[in-house]
Structures are given as C-alpha cells and as structure tokens.
Amino acid sequence: MIAHQAADDVRIPRAQTGSSPQHLLATVLGEYLDSADAALPSTAVIAILREFGVSESSARAALSRLVKRGLLATRGNRRPPVYHLTSQAIAKHRSRMRHFLNFGSGSAPWTGEWVLASFSIPNSGQAARHAVRRALGALRFVGLYDSAWIRPGSDAGPVTEALRELLHDVGGARWSVMHVRFDDEAGPHGPARAYDLSALATAYSTFTQRYAALRAAARNGEVDATRALVARTSAMDSWRKFADIDPDLPPHLLPQPWPRQEARETFLDIHSALGPLAQARLVRVATPHWPDAASWITHFEASRNPSRPEPTGGRHGSRPSG
C-alpha cells in the first residue's frame, strides 16, 4: 500500500447482479466502518460475511482482492492477519455514501445546459471506438445519435480528459466537446428520447414493491437485529445503483408521475429505522473476534433534506482518519 495514494486511485468494486463477496464486503465496510485507525481482524470479517451466507474461503478471497484494489491494507505481520481501511478509501467511501444517501433529494435549478461529445474514428480503430463508448457510458453520457453523446449539466472536464487520453494516439481520430442547448428540449426529438426512461421508471417501481413489506415492518419495529443487518445492506445495495444509472433529468423531461420519490422514501424509511439494529448486530457478531468492535463500528444516517449524512455511533466512528 502506497501511503500517498490519491483517493481517486482507490478502485471500489463495481456493482454486480447478485453481490459478489468483495462487493458485499466493500458495501459493509463503507456503511459501518469509518476510521483508518481501526485494526480489523480477518476472523471478524469472516464472521461478518458469514451473516450473508459467504464461506470462509470466499471471505478470505474478498479480503485479498480489496487489498489489491487499495481499499484495505494489512497491519503488521500478525497471524491471523489484521487489516485496516486506508485513509484514501475512507475519503472515497464518505463521498460515495453522501452521494448515494442524498441522491434524489432534489434537483438543482435547471439551466438548460448539456455537454455534447462527438467523435470520428477510422474503421481500423474498432477497439478505440469500443473504449470510447465504454468511457462515455461510465461518465453517464448517452448516445443521442451515432457518435454524438450527451449528458445534462455543464462540467466538460472529465469527458475532455477521457477523450484526450483514449484518442491522442489513434491515427485519423477526431473529437470535440461542446456546450449545447436544445431549441425544442421537451419536444419529440429532444434529448429525453436518448434515455430509456420507461425501463428506469419500472426499476424504481419494482424497488418500491420489493421493499414495501420490509418498509412496513421497519416502521412498526418488527425487524430484529439479525434480519436488520442483511435487509438494510440489501436495500442500500439496490438503491445505490440508481445513483449511477439515473441521469437525473429535469422534471419537465420526465414522464409523470415519476416514481423516484416513492422509491427514495421507501429506502430512507428502511435505512434510518434499521441502522442502529444493524450496527448492534455487527458488534455482536464481531466482538468475539474483535473485542474493540463496539468502539469502531458505526453506521451512516441519511437525512430527508440535502444536508450531509454522517456516520453515527461507536466511540471512534466519526474521528478524522489518516
């Protein structure tokens, strides 16, 4: 582990269909551990992941992969191994948690600005073309027409940098990044047609239906700590994907009624009500292997307004890391 590694260089595992052990472990660590000072025994991690049906061998493999990604580092040469979150990973987790928990709380006033990226690559540059499309998709651009990709907003820096890096050595390639406005933004040939908003609306409605019973049980105090840990993690893992796939278009470009707010309310009810219970379960599971667990294990609290969510609970959970 390089001590001065930038936070942006820490590679958080990407979400998958049916969480992999490493993605699940990254989710749990991001939610419930907020200090690089905590010495986390591997045996405690194995016990925690056992709550989710993950085997010991898979838990050890997940630990190894998160070390390679820069999320975790080993502390000393102890046996069994002891790990700690890197300070860079803590910063990344906090940023992402705030993004996930605040997503959908309200859109900034719409300015009508879009960023458009256009490129032309010779037929011999098929690999470069695929790389550009992957990069644009990762930056939440969507294809308006063949080689014209758009996203709402005005920040062109990341896409300019990505295209420069990918195409500067590709012979015959040309690209441009522009700030644009649409004359008939809400019309039948406007930018909203580039998005599959019907599929996104269905995904939000499905989320609300899937977690309706858990929401009611959480509100009524009918969820015990054992169930709370797994259920809350599942809800968070499902909700966080929307922050990555929803283009967050202005309301006048969305079909009405738009189901995101109900999905957000469902998530917030579950996340808030089950937070202390999930934290208590983690402490109980980890303490036999990690006597200091109660001092370090925490949980994030979401707010129903755009104020910053912060970790709460644990005697050291919110102290500055690194």
C-alpha atoms as a PDB file:
ATOM      1  CA  MET A   1       0.000   0.000   0.000  1.00  0.00           C
ATOM      2  CA  ILE A   2       1.355   3.410  -1.004  1.00  0.00           C
ATOM      3  CA  ALA A   3       0.625   5.901   1.758  1.00  0.00           C
ATOM      4  CA  HIS A   4       0.168   8.864  -0.551  1.00  0.00           C
ATOM      5  CA  GLN A   5      -2.145   7.121  -2.995  1.00  0.00           C
ATOM      6  CA  ALA A   6      -4.857   9.524  -4.175  1.00  0.00           C
ATOM      7  CA  ALA A   7      -8.447   8.792  -3.244  1.00  0.00           C
ATOM      8  CA  ASP A   8      -9.425   8.665  -6.905  1.00  0.00           C
ATOM      9  CA  ASP A   9      -6.938   5.814  -7.412  1.00  0.00           C
ATOM     10  CA  VAL A  10      -8.775   3.575  -4.968  1.00  0.00           C
ATOM     11  CA  ARG A  11     -10.882   1.231  -7.067  1.00  0.00           C
ATOM     12  CA  ILE A  12     -14.227   0.478  -5.472  1.00  0.00           C
ATOM     13  CA  PRO A  13     -15.638  -2.803  -6.839  1.00  0.00           C
ATOM     14  CA  ARG A  14     -18.396  -2.221  -9.344  1.00  0.00           C
ATOM     15  CA  ALA A  15     -21.901  -3.355  -8.502  1.00  0.00           C
ATOM     16  CA  GLN A  16     -22.880  -6.707  -9.953  1.00  0.00           C
ATOM     17  CA  THR A  17     -26.116  -8.635 -10.295  1.00  0.00           C
ATOM     18  CA  GLY A  18     -26.159 -10.614  -7.082  1.00  0.00           C
ATOM     19  CA  SER A  19     -23.398  -9.095  -4.997  1.00  0.00           C
ATOM     20  CA  SER A  20     -20.020 -10.800  -5.124  1.00  0.00           C
ATOM     21  CA  PRO A  21     -18.309 -11.297  -1.750  1.00  0.00           C
ATOM     22  CA  GLN A  22     -15.852  -8.466  -2.448  1.00  0.00           C
ATOM     23  CA  HIS A  23     -18.610  -6.072  -3.458  1.00  0.00           C
ATOM     24  CA  LEU A  24     -20.628  -7.080  -0.415  1.00  0.00           C
ATOM     25  CA  LEU A  25     -17.632  -6.563   1.861  1.00  0.00           C
ATOM     26  CA  ALA A  26     -16.949  -3.133   0.343  1.00  0.00           C
ATOM     27  CA  THR A  27     -20.589  -2.190   0.941  1.00  0.00           C
ATOM     28  CA  VAL A  28     -20.500  -3.309   4.591  1.00  0.00           C
ATOM     29  CA  LEU A  29     -17.188  -1.601   5.301  1.00  0.00           C
ATOM     30  CA  GLY A  30     -18.378   1.616   3.684  1.00  0.00           C
ATOM     31  CA  GLU A  31     -21.555   1.650   5.762  1.00  0.00           C
ATOM     32  CA  TYR A  32     -20.231   0.562   9.141  1.00  0.00           C
ATOM     33  CA  LEU A  33     -16.544   1.381   9.495  1.00  0.00           C
ATOM     34  CA  ASP A  34     -15.352   4.970   9.224  1.00  0.00           C
ATOM     35  CA  SER A  35     -11.799   5.092  10.512  1.00  0.00           C
ATOM     36  CA  ALA A  36      -8.447   4.047   9.131  1.00  0.00           C
ATOM     37  CA  ASP A  37      -7.230   3.568  12.710  1.00  0.00           C
ATOM     38  CA  ALA A  38      -9.402   0.526  13.399  1.00  0.00           C
ATOM     39  CA  ALA A  39      -7.472  -2.769  13.401  1.00  0.00           C
ATOM     40  CA  LEU A  40      -9.877  -5.245  11.800  1.00  0.00           C
ATOM     41  CA  PRO A  41      -9.025  -8.939  12.332  1.00  0.00           C
ATOM     42  CA  SER A  42      -9.639 -11.242   9.406  1.00  0.00           C
ATOM     43  CA  THR A  43     -11.569 -13.568  11.730  1.00  0.00           C
ATOM     44  CA  ALA A  44     -14.056 -10.767  12.419  1.00  0.00           C
ATOM     45  CA  VAL A  45     -14.528 -10.187   8.689  1.00  0.00           C
ATOM     46  CA  ILE A  46     -15.141 -13.907   8.156  1.00  0.00           C
ATOM     47  CA  ALA A  47     -17.768 -13.887  10.930  1.00  0.00           C
ATOM     48  CA  ILE A  48     -19.468 -10.798   9.483  1.00  0.00           C
ATOM     49  CA  LEU A  49     -19.666 -12.199   5.955  1.00  0.00           C
ATOM     50  CA  ARG A  50     -20.993 -15.474   7.342  1.00  0.00           C
ATOM     51  CA  GLU A  51     -24.149 -13.491   8.205  1.00  0.00           C
ATOM     52  CA  PHE A  52     -24.666 -13.107   4.461  1.00  0.00           C
ATOM     53  CA  GLY A  53     -24.007 -16.750   3.640  1.00  0.00           C
ATOM     54  CA  VAL A  54     -20.426 -16.178   2.455  1.00  0.00           C
ATOM     55  CA  SER A  55     -17.997 -19.041   3.097  1.00  0.00           C
ATOM     56  CA  GLU A  56     -14.658 -18.585   4.867  1.00  0.00           C
ATOM     57  CA  SER A  57     -12.675 -19.217   1.678  1.00  0.00           C
ATOM     58  CA  SER A  58     -14.725 -16.651  -0.234  1.00  0.00           C
ATOM     59  CA  ALA A  59     -14.330 -14.146   2.620  1.00  0.00           C
ATOM     60  CA  ARG A  60     -10.554 -14.539   2.553  1.00  0.00           C
ATOM     61  CA  ALA A  61     -10.533 -14.130  -1.216  1.00  0.00           C
ATOM     62  CA  ALA A  62     -12.615 -10.940  -0.871  1.00  0.00           C
ATOM     63  CA  LEU A  63     -10.125  -9.545   1.646  1.00  0.00           C
ATOM     64  CA  SER A  64      -7.241 -10.278  -0.710  1.00  0.00           C
ATOM     65  CA  ARG A  65      -8.975  -8.592  -3.634  1.00  0.00           C
ATOM     66  CA  LEU A  66      -9.806  -5.466  -1.636  1.00  0.00           C
ATOM     67  CA  VAL A  67      -6.144  -5.201  -0.626  1.00  0.00           C
ATOM     68  CA  LYS A  68      -5.167  -5.343  -4.304  1.00  0.00           C
ATOM     69  CA  ARG A  69      -7.709  -2.623  -5.066  1.00  0.00           C
ATOM     70  CA  GLY A  70      -6.273  -0.311  -2.409  1.00  0.00           C
ATOM     71  CA  LEU A  71      -9.350  -0.398  -0.211  1.00  0.00           C
ATOM     72  CA  LEU A  72      -7.684  -2.344   2.597  1.00  0.00           C
ATOM     73  CA  ALA A  73      -4.117  -2.750   3.832  1.00  0.00           C
ATOM     74  CA  THR A  74      -2.601  -5.254   6.244  1.00  0.00           C
ATOM     75  CA  ARG A  75      -1.336  -4.046   9.611  1.00  0.00           C
ATOM     76  CA  GLY A  76       1.943  -5.663  10.642  1.00  0.00           C
ATOM     77  CA  ASN A  77       2.627  -9.365  10.162  1.00  0.00           C
ATOM     78  CA  ARG A  78       0.098 -10.747  12.598  1.00  0.00           C
ATOM     79  CA  ARG A  79      -1.461 -14.168  12.323  1.00  0.00           C
ATOM     80  CA  PRO A  80      -4.311 -14.333  11.684  1.00  0.00           C
ATOM     81  CA  PRO A  81      -3.978 -11.190   9.557  1.00  0.00           C
ATOM     82  CA  VAL A  82      -5.257  -7.804  10.729  1.00  0.00           C
ATOM     83  CA  TYR A  83      -6.471  -5.209   8.220  1.00  0.00           C
ATOM     84  CA  HIS A  84      -7.368  -1.549   8.211  1.00  0.00           C
ATOM     85  CA  LEU A  85      -9.196   0.670   5.775  1.00  0.00           C
ATOM     86  CA  THR A  86      -6.846   3.053   4.013  1.00  0.00           C
ATOM     87  CA  SER A  87      -7.385   6.759   4.594  1.00  0.00           C
ATOM     88  CA  GLN A  88      -7.898   7.155   0.840  1.00  0.00           C
ATOM     89  CA  ALA A  89     -10.643   4.529   0.918  1.00  0.00           C
ATOM     90  CA  ILE A  90     -12.321   6.299   3.857  1.00  0.00           C
ATOM     91  CA  ALA A  91     -12.454   9.532   1.858  1.00  0.00           C
ATOM     92  CA  LYS A  92     -13.854   7.664  -1.136  1.00  0.00           C
ATOM     93  CA  HIS A  93     -16.452   5.872   0.981  1.00  0.00           C
ATOM     94  CA  ARG A  94     -17.638   9.103   2.606  1.00  0.00           C
ATOM     95  CA  SER A  95     -18.008  10.801  -0.743  1.00  0.00           C
ATOM     96  CA  ARG A  96     -19.929   7.892  -2.227  1.00  0.00           C
ATOM     97  CA  MET A  97     -22.125   7.433   0.836  1.00  0.00           C
ATOM     98  CA  ARG A  98     -23.133  11.085   0.742  1.00  0.00           C
ATOM     99  CA  HIS A  99     -23.857  10.748  -2.960  1.00  0.00           C
ATOM    100  CA  PHE A 100     -25.994   7.625  -2.519  1.00  0.00           C
ATOM    101  CA  LEU A 101     -27.870   8.917   0.521  1.00  0.00           C
ATOM    102  CA  ASN A 102     -28.571  12.388  -0.872  1.00  0.00           C
ATOM    103  CA  PHE A 103     -29.448  11.201  -4.369  1.00  0.00           C
ATOM    104  CA  GLY A 104     -32.995  12.114  -5.308  1.00  0.00           C
ATOM    105  CA  SER A 105     -33.381  14.688  -2.525  1.00  0.00           C
ATOM    106  CA  GLY A 106     -33.957  17.468  -5.019  1.00  0.00           C
ATOM    107  CA  SER A 107     -32.542  18.728  -8.282  1.00  0.00           C
ATOM    108  CA  ALA A 108     -30.605  21.947  -8.703  1.00  0.00           C
ATOM    109  CA  PRO A 109     -32.347  24.646 -10.762  1.00  0.00           C
ATOM    110  CA  TRP A 110     -32.223  23.631 -14.405  1.00  0.00           C
ATOM    111  CA  THR A 111     -30.071  25.855 -16.637  1.00  0.00           C
ATOM    112  CA  GLY A 112     -30.792  24.106 -19.935  1.00  0.00           C
ATOM    113  CA  GLU A 113     -27.110  23.255 -20.418  1.00  0.00           C
ATOM    114  CA  TRP A 114     -25.879  19.963 -21.858  1.00  0.00           C
ATOM    115  CA  VAL A 115     -22.425  18.650 -22.642  1.00  0.00           C
ATOM    116  CA  LEU A 116     -22.110  17.003 -26.059  1.00  0.00           C
ATOM    117  CA  ALA A 117     -19.165  14.803 -27.023  1.00  0.00           C
ATOM    118  CA  SER A 118     -18.714  13.937 -30.685  1.00  0.00           C
ATOM    119  CA  PHE A 119     -16.027  11.727 -32.203  1.00  0.00           C
ATOM    120  CA  SER A 120     -14.934  10.250 -35.522  1.00  0.00           C
ATOM    121  CA  ILE A 121     -12.671   7.181 -35.593  1.00  0.00           C
ATOM    122  CA  PRO A 122     -11.456   5.372 -38.750  1.00  0.00           C
ATOM    123  CA  ASN A 123     -12.785   1.871 -39.405  1.00  0.00           C
ATOM    124  CA  SER A 124      -9.423   0.452 -38.347  1.00  0.00           C
ATOM    125  CA  GLY A 125      -9.932   1.858 -34.860  1.00  0.00           C
ATOM    126  CA  GLN A 126     -12.670  -0.517 -33.738  1.00  0.00           C
ATOM    127  CA  ALA A 127     -11.036  -1.183 -30.359  1.00  0.00           C
ATOM    128  CA  ALA A 128     -10.661   2.546 -29.719  1.00  0.00           C
ATOM    129  CA  ARG A 129     -14.312   3.091 -30.631  1.00  0.00           C
ATOM    130  CA  HIS A 130     -15.430   0.497 -28.083  1.00  0.00           C
ATOM    131  CA  ALA A 131     -13.142   2.031 -25.458  1.00  0.00           C
ATOM    132  CA  VAL A 132     -14.589   5.499 -26.061  1.00  0.00           C
ATOM    133  CA  ARG A 133     -18.149   4.236 -25.765  1.00  0.00           C
ATOM    134  CA  ARG A 134     -17.349   2.441 -22.510  1.00  0.00           C
ATOM    135  CA  ALA A 135     -15.713   5.573 -21.113  1.00  0.00           C
ATOM    136  CA  LEU A 136     -18.629   7.781 -22.119  1.00  0.00           C
ATOM    137  CA  GLY A 137     -21.097   5.372 -20.549  1.00  0.00           C
ATOM    138  CA  ALA A 138     -19.082   5.355 -17.316  1.00  0.00           C
ATOM    139  CA  LEU A 139     -19.307   9.165 -17.304  1.00  0.00           C
ATOM    140  CA  ARG A 140     -23.111   8.865 -17.670  1.00  0.00           C
ATOM    141  CA  PHE A 141     -23.234  10.053 -21.252  1.00  0.00           C
ATOM    142  CA  VAL A 142     -25.811   8.512 -23.548  1.00  0.00           C
ATOM    143  CA  GLY A 143     -25.830   8.233 -27.337  1.00  0.00           C
ATOM    144  CA  LEU A 144     -28.066  10.894 -28.888  1.00  0.00           C
ATOM    145  CA  TYR A 145     -27.059   9.831 -32.395  1.00  0.00           C
ATOM    146  CA  ASP A 146     -24.335   7.507 -33.681  1.00  0.00           C
ATOM    147  CA  SER A 147     -21.235   9.368 -32.494  1.00  0.00           C
ATOM    148  CA  ALA A 148     -22.884  12.218 -30.613  1.00  0.00           C
ATOM    149  CA  TRP A 149     -23.211  11.594 -26.871  1.00  0.00           C
ATOM    150  CA  ILE A 150     -24.822  13.902 -24.310  1.00  0.00           C
ATOM    151  CA  ARG A 151     -25.314  14.380 -20.591  1.00  0.00           C
ATOM    152  CA  PRO A 152     -27.111  17.131 -18.675  1.00  0.00           C
ATOM    153  CA  GLY A 153     -25.054  19.809 -16.939  1.00  0.00           C
ATOM    154  CA  SER A 154     -22.016  21.904 -17.797  1.00  0.00           C
ATOM    155  CA  ASP A 155     -18.974  20.033 -16.463  1.00  0.00           C
ATOM    156  CA  ALA A 156     -16.962  19.040 -19.533  1.00  0.00           C
ATOM    157  CA  GLY A 157     -13.645  18.400 -17.772  1.00  0.00           C
ATOM    158  CA  PRO A 158     -13.882  14.620 -17.222  1.00  0.00           C
ATOM    159  CA  VAL A 159     -15.035  13.801 -20.744  1.00  0.00           C
ATOM    160  CA  THR A 160     -12.439  16.076 -22.313  1.00  0.00           C
ATOM    161  CA  GLU A 161      -9.724  14.337 -20.342  1.00  0.00           C
ATOM    162  CA  ALA A 162     -11.065  10.871 -21.193  1.00  0.00           C
ATOM    163  CA  LEU A 163     -11.259  11.523 -24.939  1.00  0.00           C
ATOM    164  CA  ARG A 164      -7.808  13.097 -24.980  1.00  0.00           C
ATOM    165  CA  GLU A 165      -6.326  10.093 -23.215  1.00  0.00           C
ATOM    166  CA  LEU A 166      -8.088   7.497 -25.369  1.00  0.00           C
ATOM    167  CA  LEU A 167      -7.691   9.079 -28.807  1.00  0.00           C
ATOM    168  CA  HIS A 168      -4.467  11.088 -28.816  1.00  0.00           C
ATOM    169  CA  ASP A 169      -2.529   8.160 -30.345  1.00  0.00           C
ATOM    170  CA  VAL A 170      -5.285   6.918 -32.674  1.00  0.00           C
ATOM    171  CA  GLY A 171      -4.422   7.903 -36.221  1.00  0.00           C
ATOM    172  CA  GLY A 172      -7.148   9.823 -38.014  1.00  0.00           C
ATOM    173  CA  ALA A 173      -9.348  10.163 -34.946  1.00  0.00           C
ATOM    174  CA  ARG A 174     -11.089  13.473 -34.274  1.00  0.00           C
ATOM    175  CA  TRP A 175     -13.255  14.539 -31.359  1.00  0.00           C
ATOM    176  CA  SER A 176     -14.973  17.613 -29.951  1.00  0.00           C
ATOM    177  CA  VAL A 177     -16.638  18.532 -26.665  1.00  0.00           C
ATOM    178  CA  MET A 178     -19.312  21.232 -26.764  1.00  0.00           C
ATOM    179  CA  HIS A 179     -21.763  23.001 -24.501  1.00  0.00           C
ATOM    180  CA  VAL A 180     -25.191  22.940 -26.158  1.00  0.00           C
ATOM    181  CA  ARG A 181     -28.833  23.904 -25.673  1.00  0.00           C
ATOM    182  CA  PHE A 182     -31.793  22.323 -27.452  1.00  0.00           C
ATOM    183  CA  ASP A 183     -34.260  24.558 -29.275  1.00  0.00           C
ATOM    184  CA  ASP A 184     -37.129  22.166 -28.557  1.00  0.00           C
ATOM    185  CA  GLU A 185     -35.818  20.430 -25.457  1.00  0.00           C
ATOM    186  CA  ALA A 186     -39.086  18.801 -24.422  1.00  0.00           C
ATOM    187  CA  GLY A 187     -40.214  18.016 -27.976  1.00  0.00           C
ATOM    188  CA  PRO A 188     -40.477  14.612 -29.652  1.00  0.00           C
ATOM    189  CA  HIS A 189     -36.875  14.782 -30.921  1.00  0.00           C
ATOM    190  CA  GLY A 190     -35.400  16.255 -27.758  1.00  0.00           C
ATOM    191  CA  PRO A 191     -32.661  14.748 -25.584  1.00  0.00           C
ATOM    192  CA  ALA A 192     -35.009  12.713 -23.384  1.00  0.00           C
ATOM    193  CA  ARG A 193     -35.557  10.351 -26.329  1.00  0.00           C
ATOM    194  CA  ALA A 194     -31.976   9.134 -25.899  1.00  0.00           C
ATOM    195  CA  TYR A 195     -32.818   7.629 -22.493  1.00  0.00           C
ATOM    196  CA  ASP A 196     -34.812   4.513 -21.688  1.00  0.00           C
ATOM    197  CA  LEU A 197     -36.939   6.281 -19.093  1.00  0.00           C
ATOM    198  CA  SER A 198     -39.638   3.597 -19.188  1.00  0.00           C
ATOM    199  CA  ALA A 199     -37.150   0.960 -18.013  1.00  0.00           C
ATOM    200  CA  LEU A 200     -35.866   3.304 -15.302  1.00  0.00           C
ATOM    201  CA  ALA A 201     -39.398   4.029 -14.082  1.00  0.00           C
ATOM    202  CA  THR A 202     -40.104   0.298 -13.962  1.00  0.00           C
ATOM    203  CA  ALA A 203     -36.918  -0.258 -11.945  1.00  0.00           C
ATOM    204  CA  TYR A 204     -37.972   2.361  -9.392  1.00  0.00           C
ATOM    205  CA  SER A 205     -41.456   0.878  -9.090  1.00  0.00           C
ATOM    206  CA  THR A 206     -40.008  -2.605  -8.731  1.00  0.00           C
ATOM    207  CA  PHE A 207     -37.721  -1.387  -5.941  1.00  0.00           C
ATOM    208  CA  THR A 208     -40.684   0.135  -4.091  1.00  0.00           C
ATOM    209  CA  GLN A 209     -42.732  -3.045  -4.418  1.00  0.00           C
ATOM    210  CA  ARG A 210     -39.830  -5.322  -3.480  1.00  0.00           C
ATOM    211  CA  TYR A 211     -39.162  -3.470  -0.225  1.00  0.00           C
ATOM    212  CA  ALA A 212     -42.723  -2.480   0.705  1.00  0.00           C
ATOM    213  CA  ALA A 213     -43.131  -5.254   3.288  1.00  0.00           C
ATOM    214  CA  LEU A 214     -39.721  -4.555   4.827  1.00  0.00           C
ATOM    215  CA  ARG A 215     -40.553  -0.845   4.991  1.00  0.00           C
ATOM    216  CA  ALA A 216     -43.764  -1.550   6.868  1.00  0.00           C
ATOM    217  CA  ALA A 217     -42.041  -3.971   9.235  1.00  0.00           C
ATOM    218  CA  ALA A 218     -39.229  -1.492   9.909  1.00  0.00           C
ATOM    219  CA  ARG A 219     -41.699   1.284  10.661  1.00  0.00           C
ATOM    220  CA  ASN A 220     -43.580  -0.976  13.065  1.00  0.00           C
ATOM    221  CA  GLY A 221     -40.477  -2.181  14.887  1.00  0.00           C
ATOM    222  CA  GLU A 222     -40.971  -5.752  13.674  1.00  0.00           C
ATOM    223  CA  VAL A 223     -37.443  -6.366  12.378  1.00  0.00           C
ATOM    224  CA  ASP A 224     -34.885  -7.942  14.720  1.00  0.00           C
ATOM    225  CA  ALA A 225     -31.165  -7.157  14.619  1.00  0.00           C
ATOM    226  CA  THR A 226     -30.195 -10.326  12.755  1.00  0.00           C
ATOM    227  CA  ARG A 227     -32.584  -9.587   9.913  1.00  0.00           C
ATOM    228  CA  ALA A 228     -31.846  -5.852  10.029  1.00  0.00           C
ATOM    229  CA  LEU A 229     -28.195  -6.216   9.030  1.00  0.00           C
ATOM    230  CA  VAL A 230     -28.851  -8.287   5.910  1.00  0.00           C
ATOM    231  CA  ALA A 231     -32.036  -6.442   4.920  1.00  0.00           C
ATOM    232  CA  ARG A 232     -30.546  -2.963   5.315  1.00  0.00           C
ATOM    233  CA  THR A 233     -27.475  -3.931   3.304  1.00  0.00           C
ATOM    234  CA  SER A 234     -29.688  -5.359   0.557  1.00  0.00           C
ATOM    235  CA  ALA A 235     -31.759  -2.176   0.385  1.00  0.00           C
ATOM    236  CA  MET A 236     -28.651   0.000   0.251  1.00  0.00           C
ATOM    237  CA  ASP A 237     -27.043  -2.164  -2.403  1.00  0.00           C
ATOM    238  CA  SER A 238     -30.184  -1.920  -4.532  1.00  0.00           C
ATOM    239  CA  TRP A 239     -30.697   1.815  -4.028  1.00  0.00           C
ATOM    240  CA  ARG A 240     -27.093   2.848  -4.699  1.00  0.00           C
ATOM    241  CA  LYS A 241     -27.320   1.578  -8.284  1.00  0.00           C
ATOM    242  CA  PHE A 242     -29.899   4.233  -9.113  1.00  0.00           C
ATOM    243  CA  ALA A 243     -27.405   6.984  -8.337  1.00  0.00           C
ATOM    244  CA  ASP A 244     -25.198   5.536 -11.076  1.00  0.00           C
ATOM    245  CA  ILE A 245     -27.828   4.861 -13.761  1.00  0.00           C
ATOM    246  CA  ASP A 246     -30.363   7.677 -13.291  1.00  0.00           C
ATOM    247  CA  PRO A 247     -29.354  10.664 -15.483  1.00  0.00           C
ATOM    248  CA  ASP A 248     -31.220  12.967 -13.073  1.00  0.00           C
ATOM    249  CA  LEU A 249     -33.033  14.808 -15.843  1.00  0.00           C
ATOM    250  CA  PRO A 250     -35.023  17.952 -15.034  1.00  0.00           C
ATOM    251  CA  PRO A 251     -38.696  17.304 -14.149  1.00  0.00           C
ATOM    252  CA  HIS A 252     -40.097  18.733 -17.393  1.00  0.00           C
ATOM    253  CA  LEU A 253     -38.314  15.977 -19.349  1.00  0.00           C
ATOM    254  CA  LEU A 254     -39.604  13.108 -17.194  1.00  0.00           C
ATOM    255  CA  PRO A 255     -42.816  11.096 -17.637  1.00  0.00           C
ATOM    256  CA  GLN A 256     -45.378  11.877 -14.964  1.00  0.00           C
ATOM    257  CA  PRO A 257     -45.934  10.598 -12.379  1.00  0.00           C
ATOM    258  CA  TRP A 258     -42.242   9.838 -11.846  1.00  0.00           C
ATOM    259  CA  PRO A 259     -41.717   7.056  -9.245  1.00  0.00           C
ATOM    260  CA  ARG A 260     -38.302   8.054  -7.876  1.00  0.00           C
ATOM    261  CA  GLN A 261     -39.557   9.943  -4.817  1.00  0.00           C
ATOM    262  CA  GLU A 262     -41.597   6.996  -3.535  1.00  0.00           C
ATOM    263  CA  ALA A 263     -38.616   4.709  -4.036  1.00  0.00           C
ATOM    264  CA  ARG A 264     -36.407   7.157  -2.125  1.00  0.00           C
ATOM    265  CA  GLU A 265     -38.906   7.384   0.742  1.00  0.00           C
ATOM    266  CA  THR A 266     -39.012   3.588   0.890  1.00  0.00           C
ATOM    267  CA  PHE A 267     -35.244   3.413   1.072  1.00  0.00           C
ATOM    268  CA  LEU A 268     -34.954   6.165   3.698  1.00  0.00           C
ATOM    269  CA  ASP A 269     -37.509   4.533   5.981  1.00  0.00           C
ATOM    270  CA  ILE A 270     -35.613   1.237   5.861  1.00  0.00           C
ATOM    271  CA  HIS A 271     -32.147   2.720   6.103  1.00  0.00           C
ATOM    272  CA  SER A 272     -32.963   5.020   9.026  1.00  0.00           C
ATOM    273  CA  ALA A 273     -35.061   2.598  11.068  1.00  0.00           C
ATOM    274  CA  LEU A 274     -32.688  -0.343  10.745  1.00  0.00           C
ATOM    275  CA  GLY A 275     -29.369   1.488  11.170  1.00  0.00           C
ATOM    276  CA  PRO A 276     -28.972   1.092  14.954  1.00  0.00           C
ATOM    277  CA  LEU A 277     -30.165  -2.534  14.813  1.00  0.00           C
ATOM    278  CA  ALA A 278     -27.746  -3.442  12.027  1.00  0.00           C
ATOM    279  CA  GLN A 279     -24.902  -1.780  13.900  1.00  0.00           C
ATOM    280  CA  ALA A 280     -25.769  -3.710  17.067  1.00  0.00           C
ATOM    281  CA  ARG A 281     -25.799  -6.994  15.147  1.00  0.00           C
ATOM    282  CA  LEU A 282     -22.403  -6.278  13.621  1.00  0.00           C
ATOM    283  CA  VAL A 283     -20.963  -5.502  17.050  1.00  0.00           C
ATOM    284  CA  ARG A 284     -22.373  -8.727  18.470  1.00  0.00           C
ATOM    285  CA  VAL A 285     -21.015 -10.863  15.610  1.00  0.00           C
ATOM    286  CA  ALA A 286     -17.576  -9.218  15.520  1.00  0.00           C
ATOM    287  CA  THR A 287     -16.840  -8.828  19.250  1.00  0.00           C
ATOM    288  CA  PRO A 288     -15.776 -12.464  19.938  1.00  0.00           C
ATOM    289  CA  HIS A 289     -13.045 -11.964  17.323  1.00  0.00           C
ATOM    290  CA  TRP A 290     -12.532  -8.232  17.826  1.00  0.00           C
ATOM    291  CA  PRO A 291     -13.007  -7.024  21.438  1.00  0.00           C
ATOM    292  CA  ASP A 292     -12.866  -3.343  20.379  1.00  0.00           C
ATOM    293  CA  ALA A 293     -15.646  -3.720  17.791  1.00  0.00           C
ATOM    294  CA  ALA A 294     -18.142  -1.562  19.700  1.00  0.00           C
ATOM    295  CA  SER A 295     -15.675   1.322  19.700  1.00  0.00           C
ATOM    296  CA  TRP A 296     -15.258   1.362  15.940  1.00  0.00           C
ATOM    297  CA  ILE A 297     -18.392   0.036  14.256  1.00  0.00           C
ATOM    298  CA  THR A 298     -20.731   2.830  13.224  1.00  0.00           C
ATOM    299  CA  HIS A 299     -23.475   3.458  10.671  1.00  0.00           C
ATOM    300  CA  PHE A 300     -24.383   6.287   8.341  1.00  0.00           C
ATOM    301  CA  GLU A 301     -27.582   8.236   8.864  1.00  0.00           C
ATOM    302  CA  ALA A 302     -29.410   9.679   5.883  1.00  0.00           C
ATOM    303  CA  SER A 303     -31.310  12.931   6.082  1.00  0.00           C
ATOM    304  CA  ARG A 304     -34.517  13.805   4.281  1.00  0.00           C
ATOM    305  CA  ASN A 305     -33.009  17.116   3.265  1.00  0.00           C
ATOM    306  CA  PRO A 306     -29.784  17.682   1.299  1.00  0.00           C
ATOM    307  CA  SER A 307     -27.645  18.135   4.432  1.00  0.00           C
ATOM    308  CA  ARG A 308     -24.629  15.870   4.618  1.00  0.00           C
ATOM    309  CA  PRO A 309     -25.225  12.433   6.148  1.00  0.00           C
ATOM    310  CA  GLU A 310     -22.598  11.480   8.686  1.00  0.00           C
ATOM    311  CA  PRO A 311     -21.521   8.317  10.479  1.00  0.00           C
ATOM    312  CA  THR A 312     -23.004   7.927  13.929  1.00  0.00           C
ATOM    313  CA  GLY A 313     -22.496   5.563  16.867  1.00  0.00           C
ATOM    314  CA  GLY A 314     -19.290   3.966  18.065  1.00  0.00           C
ATOM    315  CA  ARG A 315     -16.810   5.883  20.168  1.00  0.00           C
ATOM    316  CA  HIS A 316     -14.330   6.382  17.348  1.00  0.00           C
ATOM    317  CA  GLY A 317     -16.528   6.115  14.258  1.00  0.00           C
ATOM    318  CA  SER A 318     -16.504   9.761  13.217  1.00  0.00           C
ATOM    319  CA  ARG A 319     -12.983  10.764  14.197  1.00  0.00           C
ATOM    320  CA  PRO A 320     -10.760  12.039  11.399  1.00  0.00           C
ATOM    321  CA  SER A 321      -8.919   9.237   9.636  1.00  0.00           C
ATOM    322  CA  GLY A 322      -5.434   9.009   8.255  1.00  0.00           C
END
